[in-house]
C-alpha atoms as a PDB file:
ATOM      1  CA  MET A   1      -0.001  -9.455 -23.914  1.00  0.00           C
ATOM      2  CA  ILE A   2      -3.051  -9.695 -21.660  1.00  0.00           C
ATOM      3  CA  VAL A   3      -2.725 -11.588 -18.375  1.00  0.00           C
ATOM      4  CA  ASP A   4      -5.966 -12.081 -16.474  1.00  0.00           C
ATOM      5  CA  ALA A   5      -7.643 -15.048 -14.799  1.00  0.00           C
ATOM      6  CA  TYR A   6     -10.985 -14.437 -16.529  1.00  0.00           C
ATOM      7  CA  SER A   7     -11.247 -15.304 -20.212  1.00  0.00           C
ATOM      8  CA  LEU A   8     -14.314 -13.114 -20.731  1.00  0.00           C
ATOM      9  CA  PHE A   9     -12.400 -10.068 -19.517  1.00  0.00           C
ATOM     10  CA  ARG A  10      -9.399 -10.932 -21.698  1.00  0.00           C
ATOM     11  CA  VAL A  11     -11.636 -11.255 -24.741  1.00  0.00           C
ATOM     12  CA  GLY A  12     -13.180  -7.858 -24.031  1.00  0.00           C
ATOM     13  CA  VAL A  13      -9.802  -6.164 -23.696  1.00  0.00           C
ATOM     14  CA  ILE A  14      -8.464  -7.856 -26.818  1.00  0.00           C
ATOM     15  CA  TYR A  15     -11.508  -6.706 -28.793  1.00  0.00           C
ATOM     16  CA  SER A  16     -11.086  -3.109 -27.586  1.00  0.00           C
ATOM     17  CA  LEU A  17      -7.421  -3.097 -28.577  1.00  0.00           C
ATOM     18  CA  SER A  18      -8.051  -4.748 -31.947  1.00  0.00           C
ATOM     19  CA  LEU A  19     -10.002  -1.672 -33.054  1.00  0.00           C
ATOM     20  CA  ASP A  20      -6.701   0.173 -33.375  1.00  0.00           C
ATOM     21  CA  GLU A  21      -4.587  -1.088 -36.288  1.00  0.00           C
ATOM     22  CA  LYS A  22      -1.343  -0.005 -34.621  1.00  0.00           C
ATOM     23  CA  ILE A  23      -1.792  -2.370 -31.697  1.00  0.00           C
ATOM     24  CA  LYS A  24      -1.378  -6.115 -32.007  1.00  0.00           C
ATOM     25  CA  VAL A  25      -2.164  -8.511 -29.190  1.00  0.00           C
ATOM     26  CA  VAL A  26       0.512 -11.203 -29.406  1.00  0.00           C
ATOM     27  CA  GLY A  27      -0.614 -13.392 -26.528  1.00  0.00           C
ATOM     28  CA  GLN A  28      -2.805 -13.921 -23.499  1.00  0.00           C
ATOM     29  CA  ALA A  29      -2.537 -15.905 -20.281  1.00  0.00           C
ATOM     30  CA  SER A  30      -4.640 -16.785 -17.261  1.00  0.00           C
ATOM     31  CA  SER A  31      -1.919 -17.609 -14.714  1.00  0.00           C
ATOM     32  CA  GLY A  32       1.639 -16.774 -13.789  1.00  0.00           C
ATOM     33  CA  ASP A  33       3.173 -19.894 -15.275  1.00  0.00           C
ATOM     34  CA  GLU A  34       1.262 -19.480 -18.516  1.00  0.00           C
ATOM     35  CA  ALA A  35       2.199 -15.796 -18.662  1.00  0.00           C
ATOM     36  CA  LEU A  36       5.917 -16.559 -18.526  1.00  0.00           C
ATOM     37  CA  GLN A  37       5.571 -19.249 -21.192  1.00  0.00           C
ATOM     38  CA  VAL A  38       3.766 -16.862 -23.537  1.00  0.00           C
ATOM     39  CA  MET A  39       6.203 -14.115 -22.618  1.00  0.00           C
ATOM     40  CA  ALA A  40       9.155 -16.222 -23.769  1.00  0.00           C
ATOM     41  CA  LEU A  41       7.495 -16.985 -27.111  1.00  0.00           C
ATOM     42  CA  ALA A  42       5.746 -13.729 -27.966  1.00  0.00           C
ATOM     43  CA  CYS A  43       8.141 -11.105 -26.510  1.00  0.00           C
ATOM     44  CA  PRO A  44       5.458  -8.422 -26.053  1.00  0.00           C
ATOM     45  CA  ASP A  45       6.357  -4.749 -25.728  1.00  0.00           C
ATOM     46  CA  VAL A  46       3.540  -4.095 -23.224  1.00  0.00           C
ATOM     47  CA  VAL A  47       1.960  -6.467 -20.716  1.00  0.00           C
ATOM     48  CA  LEU A  48      -1.444  -5.762 -19.168  1.00  0.00           C
ATOM     49  CA  LEU A  49      -1.335  -7.683 -15.905  1.00  0.00           C
ATOM     50  CA  ASP A  50      -3.951  -8.320 -13.222  1.00  0.00           C
ATOM     51  CA  THR A  51      -2.524  -8.660  -9.705  1.00  0.00           C
ATOM     52  CA  SER A  52      -5.080 -11.276  -8.639  1.00  0.00           C
ATOM     53  CA  ILE A  53      -4.002 -14.045 -11.039  1.00  0.00           C
ATOM     54  CA  PRO A  54      -2.838 -17.424  -9.707  1.00  0.00           C
ATOM     55  CA  TRP A  55       0.786 -17.246  -8.502  1.00  0.00           C
ATOM     56  CA  GLY A  56       0.382 -13.541  -7.726  1.00  0.00           C
ATOM     57  CA  GLY A  57       0.586 -10.662 -10.161  1.00  0.00           C
ATOM     58  CA  ILE A  58       3.371  -8.856  -8.317  1.00  0.00           C
ATOM     59  CA  GLU A  59       5.622 -11.930  -8.471  1.00  0.00           C
ATOM     60  CA  VAL A  60       4.788 -12.350 -12.155  1.00  0.00           C
ATOM     61  CA  ASN A  61       5.650  -8.698 -12.673  1.00  0.00           C
ATOM     62  CA  LYS A  62       9.099  -9.260 -11.148  1.00  0.00           C
ATOM     63  CA  ALA A  63       9.635 -12.386 -13.244  1.00  0.00           C
ATOM     64  CA  ILE A  64       8.678 -10.583 -16.441  1.00  0.00           C
ATOM     65  CA  LYS A  65      11.147  -7.786 -15.716  1.00  0.00           C
ATOM     66  CA  LYS A  66      13.879 -10.378 -15.184  1.00  0.00           C
ATOM     67  CA  MET A  67      13.051 -11.963 -18.524  1.00  0.00           C
ATOM     68  CA  SER A  68      12.966  -8.709 -20.455  1.00  0.00           C
ATOM     69  CA  ASP A  69      14.090  -5.185 -19.625  1.00  0.00           C
ATOM     70  CA  GLN A  70      12.175  -3.984 -22.675  1.00  0.00           C
ATOM     71  CA  ALA A  71       8.746  -5.290 -21.666  1.00  0.00           C
ATOM     72  CA  LYS A  72       6.649  -2.607 -19.998  1.00  0.00           C
ATOM     73  CA  VAL A  73       4.180  -3.866 -17.410  1.00  0.00           C
ATOM     74  CA  VAL A  74       0.919  -2.053 -16.762  1.00  0.00           C
ATOM     75  CA  ILE A  75      -1.208  -3.309 -13.885  1.00  0.00           C
ATOM     76  CA  LEU A  76      -4.882  -3.569 -14.830  1.00  0.00           C
ATOM     77  CA  THR A  77      -6.820  -4.607 -11.750  1.00  0.00           C
ATOM     78  CA  THR A  78      -9.531  -3.825  -9.207  1.00  0.00           C
ATOM     79  CA  ALA A  79      -7.093  -3.538  -6.275  1.00  0.00           C
ATOM     80  CA  ASP A  80      -6.692   0.150  -5.479  1.00  0.00           C
ATOM     81  CA  ALA A  81      -4.911   0.250  -2.115  1.00  0.00           C
ATOM     82  CA  GLU A  82      -1.848   2.495  -1.910  1.00  0.00           C
ATOM     83  CA  THR A  83       0.244  -0.466  -0.746  1.00  0.00           C
ATOM     84  CA  ASP A  84      -0.761  -2.437  -3.871  1.00  0.00           C
ATOM     85  CA  VAL A  85       0.403   0.414  -6.093  1.00  0.00           C
ATOM     86  CA  MET A  86       3.693   0.733  -4.203  1.00  0.00           C
ATOM     87  CA  ARG A  87       4.381  -2.998  -4.503  1.00  0.00           C
ATOM     88  CA  ALA A  88       3.695  -2.863  -8.238  1.00  0.00           C
ATOM     89  CA  VAL A  89       6.042   0.091  -8.708  1.00  0.00           C
ATOM     90  CA  ASP A  90       8.738  -1.670  -6.695  1.00  0.00           C
ATOM     91  CA  ALA A  91       8.267  -4.720  -8.942  1.00  0.00           C
ATOM     92  CA  GLY A  92       8.911  -2.613 -12.033  1.00  0.00           C
ATOM     93  CA  ALA A  93       5.429  -1.664 -13.282  1.00  0.00           C
ATOM     94  CA  VAL A  94       5.264   1.576 -15.279  1.00  0.00           C
ATOM     95  CA  GLY A  95       1.497   1.900 -15.095  1.00  0.00           C
ATOM     96  CA  TYR A  96      -1.420   1.139 -12.784  1.00  0.00           C
ATOM     97  CA  ILE A  97      -5.019   1.413 -13.972  1.00  0.00           C
ATOM     98  CA  LEU A  98      -8.313   0.102 -12.674  1.00  0.00           C
ATOM     99  CA  LYS A  99     -10.736  -2.147 -14.512  1.00  0.00           C
ATOM    100  CA  ASN A 100     -13.489   0.463 -14.430  1.00  0.00           C
ATOM    101  CA  ILE A 101     -11.550   2.478 -17.016  1.00  0.00           C
ATOM    102  CA  ASP A 102     -13.381   3.341 -20.227  1.00  0.00           C
ATOM    103  CA  ALA A 103     -12.401   1.121 -23.149  1.00  0.00           C
ATOM    104  CA  ASP A 104     -11.487   4.091 -25.367  1.00  0.00           C
ATOM    105  CA  GLN A 105      -8.938   5.267 -22.783  1.00  0.00           C
ATOM    106  CA  LEU A 106      -6.984   2.031 -22.868  1.00  0.00           C
ATOM    107  CA  VAL A 107      -5.493   2.454 -26.352  1.00  0.00           C
ATOM    108  CA  PRO A 108      -3.827   5.846 -25.775  1.00  0.00           C
ATOM    109  CA  ILE A 109      -2.464   4.633 -22.435  1.00  0.00           C
ATOM    110  CA  ILE A 110      -0.842   1.608 -24.089  1.00  0.00           C
ATOM    111  CA  LYS A 111       0.619   3.747 -26.864  1.00  0.00           C
ATOM    112  CA  SER A 112       2.028   6.177 -24.337  1.00  0.00           C
ATOM    113  CA  VAL A 113       3.602   3.393 -22.279  1.00  0.00           C
ATOM    114  CA  ALA A 114       5.013   1.703 -25.388  1.00  0.00           C
ATOM    115  CA  ALA A 115       6.666   5.013 -26.303  1.00  0.00           C
ATOM    116  CA  GLY A 116       8.437   5.125 -22.946  1.00  0.00           C
ATOM    117  CA  GLY A 117       5.887   6.907 -20.803  1.00  0.00           C
ATOM    118  CA  SER A 118       4.014   5.835 -17.705  1.00  0.00           C
ATOM    119  CA  PHE A 119       0.432   6.122 -16.533  1.00  0.00           C
ATOM    120  CA  PHE A 120      -1.241   5.887 -13.155  1.00  0.00           C
ATOM    121  CA  ALA A 121      -4.949   6.382 -12.602  1.00  0.00           C
ATOM    122  CA  PRO A 122      -5.447  10.030 -11.516  1.00  0.00           C
ATOM    123  CA  GLY A 123      -7.278   9.128  -8.316  1.00  0.00           C
ATOM    124  CA  LEU A 124      -4.551   6.681  -7.362  1.00  0.00           C
ATOM    125  CA  THR A 125      -1.811   9.204  -8.041  1.00  0.00           C
ATOM    126  CA  GLN A 126      -3.142  11.681  -5.488  1.00  0.00           C
ATOM    127  CA  ARG A 127      -3.705   8.968  -2.903  1.00  0.00           C
ATOM    128  CA  LEU A 128      -0.222   7.586  -3.516  1.00  0.00           C
ATOM    129  CA  ILE A 129       1.311  11.015  -2.986  1.00  0.00           C
ATOM    130  CA  SER A 130      -0.563  11.334   0.303  1.00  0.00           C
ATOM    131  CA  TYR A 131       0.535   7.847   1.286  1.00  0.00           C
ATOM    132  CA  LEU A 132       4.184   8.623   0.579  1.00  0.00           C
ATOM    133  CA  LYS A 133       3.920  11.768   2.680  1.00  0.00           C
ATOM    134  CA  GLN A 134       2.826   9.815   5.732  1.00  0.00           C
ATOM    135  CA  PRO A 135       5.239  10.312   8.643  1.00  0.00           C
ATOM    136  CA  THR A 136       7.622   7.566   9.681  1.00  0.00           C
ATOM    137  CA  PRO A 137       6.913   5.830  13.010  1.00  0.00           C
ATOM    138  CA  THR A 138       9.698   7.875  14.605  1.00  0.00           C
ATOM    139  CA  GLU A 139       8.200  11.106  13.272  1.00  0.00           C
ATOM    140  CA  ALA A 140       4.747  10.035  14.439  1.00  0.00           C
ATOM    141  CA  LEU A 141       6.060   9.326  17.951  1.00  0.00           C
ATOM    142  CA  ALA A 142       7.756  12.710  17.999  1.00  0.00           C
ATOM    143  CA  SER A 143       4.406  14.346  17.216  1.00  0.00           C
ATOM    144  CA  LEU A 144       2.756  12.963  20.359  1.00  0.00           C
ATOM    145  CA  THR A 145       1.903  15.394  23.124  1.00  0.00           C
ATOM    146  CA  ASP A 146       3.650  14.899  26.474  1.00  0.00           C
ATOM    147  CA  GLN A 147       0.552  13.321  27.960  1.00  0.00           C
ATOM    148  CA  GLU A 148       0.034  11.043  24.953  1.00  0.00           C
ATOM    149  CA  GLU A 149       3.615   9.836  25.240  1.00  0.00           C
ATOM    150  CA  ARG A 150       3.286   9.248  29.008  1.00  0.00           C
ATOM    151  CA  THR A 151       0.115   7.286  28.391  1.00  0.00           C
ATOM    152  CA  LEU A 152       1.683   5.214  25.607  1.00  0.00           C
ATOM    153  CA  ARG A 153       4.760   4.419  27.712  1.00  0.00           C
ATOM    154  CA  LEU A 154       2.593   3.144  30.547  1.00  0.00           C
ATOM    155  CA  VAL A 155       0.412   1.140  28.170  1.00  0.00           C
ATOM    156  CA  SER A 156       3.557  -0.356  26.626  1.00  0.00           C
ATOM    157  CA  ASN A 157       4.508  -1.549  30.112  1.00  0.00           C
ATOM    158  CA  GLY A 158       1.325  -3.598  30.165  1.00  0.00           C
ATOM    159  CA  LEU A 159      -0.840  -1.338  32.319  1.00  0.00           C
ATOM    160  CA  SER A 160      -4.593  -1.294  31.770  1.00  0.00           C
ATOM    161  CA  ASN A 161      -6.506   1.937  31.157  1.00  0.00           C
ATOM    162  CA  ARG A 162      -7.597   1.963  34.804  1.00  0.00           C
ATOM    163  CA  GLU A 163      -4.027   1.488  36.021  1.00  0.00           C
ATOM    164  CA  VAL A 164      -2.743   4.203  33.693  1.00  0.00           C
ATOM    165  CA  ALA A 165      -5.475   6.549  34.913  1.00  0.00           C
ATOM    166  CA  ALA A 166      -4.502   5.915  38.540  1.00  0.00           C
ATOM    167  CA  LYS A 167      -0.799   6.373  37.752  1.00  0.00           C
ATOM    168  CA  LEU A 168      -1.314   9.692  35.976  1.00  0.00           C
ATOM    169  CA  GLY A 169      -4.150  10.937  38.163  1.00  0.00           C
ATOM    170  CA  ILE A 170      -6.581  11.282  35.281  1.00  0.00           C
ATOM    171  CA  LEU A 171      -9.914   9.773  34.331  1.00  0.00           C
ATOM    172  CA  GLU A 172     -10.032   6.405  32.561  1.00  0.00           C
ATOM    173  CA  LYS A 173     -11.945   7.983  29.680  1.00  0.00           C
ATOM    174  CA  THR A 174      -9.082  10.479  29.319  1.00  0.00           C
ATOM    175  CA  VAL A 175      -6.675   7.570  28.888  1.00  0.00           C
ATOM    176  CA  LYS A 176      -8.886   6.182  26.129  1.00  0.00           C
ATOM    177  CA  TYR A 177      -8.959   9.635  24.525  1.00  0.00           C
ATOM    178  CA  HIS A 178      -5.159   9.892  24.536  1.00  0.00           C
ATOM    179  CA  MET A 179      -4.741   6.368  23.166  1.00  0.00           C
ATOM    180  CA  THR A 180      -7.257   6.980  20.377  1.00  0.00           C
ATOM    181  CA  HIS A 181      -5.301  10.029  19.241  1.00  0.00           C
ATOM    182  CA  THR A 182      -1.995   8.199  19.631  1.00  0.00           C
ATOM    183  CA  MET A 183      -3.135   5.251  17.497  1.00  0.00           C
ATOM    184  CA  ALA A 184      -4.409   7.633  14.813  1.00  0.00           C
ATOM    185  CA  LYS A 185      -1.047   9.431  14.691  1.00  0.00           C
ATOM    186  CA  LEU A 186       0.838   6.135  14.479  1.00  0.00           C
ATOM    187  CA  GLY A 187      -1.527   4.773  11.825  1.00  0.00           C
ATOM    188  CA  VAL A 188      -2.286   1.595  13.781  1.00  0.00           C
ATOM    189  CA  ARG A 189      -5.504  -0.226  14.631  1.00  0.00           C
ATOM    190  CA  ASN A 190      -5.009  -1.232  18.243  1.00  0.00           C
ATOM    191  CA  ARG A 191      -2.924  -0.903  21.414  1.00  0.00           C
ATOM    192  CA  VAL A 192      -0.789  -3.932  20.597  1.00  0.00           C
ATOM    193  CA  GLU A 193       0.400  -2.470  17.288  1.00  0.00           C
ATOM    194  CA  ALA A 194       1.006   0.896  18.958  1.00  0.00           C
ATOM    195  CA  THR A 195       3.097  -0.775  21.663  1.00  0.00           C
ATOM    196  CA  ILE A 196       5.169  -2.766  19.155  1.00  0.00           C
ATOM    197  CA  ILE A 197       5.951   0.293  17.041  1.00  0.00           C
ATOM    198  CA  ALA A 198       6.734   2.438  20.090  1.00  0.00           C
ATOM    199  CA  ARG A 199       9.092  -0.130  21.623  1.00  0.00           C
ATOM    200  CA  GLN A 200      10.920  -0.619  18.324  1.00  0.00           C
ATOM    201  CA  CYS A 201      11.399   3.116  17.857  1.00  0.00           C
ATOM    202  CA  TRP A 202      12.432   3.736  21.461  1.00  0.00           C
ATOM    203  CA  ALA A 203      14.922   0.881  21.201  1.00  0.00           C
ATOM    204  CA  LYS A 204      16.476   2.429  18.078  1.00  0.00           C
ATOM    205  CA  LEU A 205      16.696   5.778  19.834  1.00  0.00           C
ATOM    206  CA  GLY A 206      18.318   4.132  22.837  1.00  0.00           C
ATOM    207  CA  GLN A 207      15.410   5.036  25.101  1.00  0.00           C
ATOM    208  CA  SER A 208      13.978   2.660  27.674  1.00  0.00           C
ATOM    209  CA  HIS A 209      10.236   2.221  27.446  1.00  0.00           C
ATOM    210  CA  ASN A 210      10.315   1.938  31.229  1.00  0.00           C
ATOM    211  CA  THR A 211      11.324   5.579  31.613  1.00  0.00           C
ATOM    212  CA  ILE A 212       8.166   7.349  32.725  1.00  0.00           C
ATOM    213  CA  HIS A 213       7.904  10.973  33.772  1.00  0.00           C
ATOM    214  CA  VAL A 214       4.606  11.320  35.580  1.00  0.00           C
ATOM    215  CA  GLU A 215       2.789  14.586  36.005  1.00  0.00           C
ATOM    216  CA  THR A 216      -0.709  14.439  37.432  1.00  0.00           C
ATOM    217  CA  GLU A 217      -3.629  16.324  35.971  1.00  0.00           C
ATOM    218  CA  THR A 218      -6.088  18.151  38.113  1.00  0.00           C
ATOM    219  CA  VAL A 219      -9.403  16.455  37.358  1.00  0.00           C
ATOM    220  CA  ASN A 220     -12.818  17.558  38.406  1.00  0.00           C
ATOM    221  CA  GLN A 221     -14.373  14.324  39.622  1.00  0.00           C
ATOM    222  CA  GLY A 222     -17.842  15.689  40.034  1.00  0.00           C
END
């Protein structure tokens, strides 16, 4: 079964699959509701599902798996973020491929999945492995240097860069430098997110974010 919001794309996929006599397309749908209706009637072995359909492809994926343990869902989409792949896997998908795939590659992938295998686009596989290897927030905090942690603790208390600089006896641009590295290690976009993550982790570890050990740097001001 093909589930995609765009009829022209569905027609193209159906045509590509029809060239192989061992594959039969038993249904198609353009939305989540329609997909479940067709699913109940056609009982497909493999479902090609776009995540951007109305009602949400991930939710449809979950619903399909509840309806049939035998149906194998393969995501066929343009969304290539690691989080999208993880959500699909958590929902029960056994494959994740992108719409820029060559038509002649689609048939062997479907046959492999139907036989009990799985398939994830090679580029996505490597990125997913890297994503899964990312440190936890607690591990990221543990990787901070002493000065980065001091800076983050003061920032989490609401101090501005200038106030942190005065407190630690360093230049304001040095504070910015430490915070830039800290945010990169934590995988966040701004000071607010860094503060939230830090406070949550310190709370779990039973540490007060108000505990500051200050050591001044010797700075050449001129």
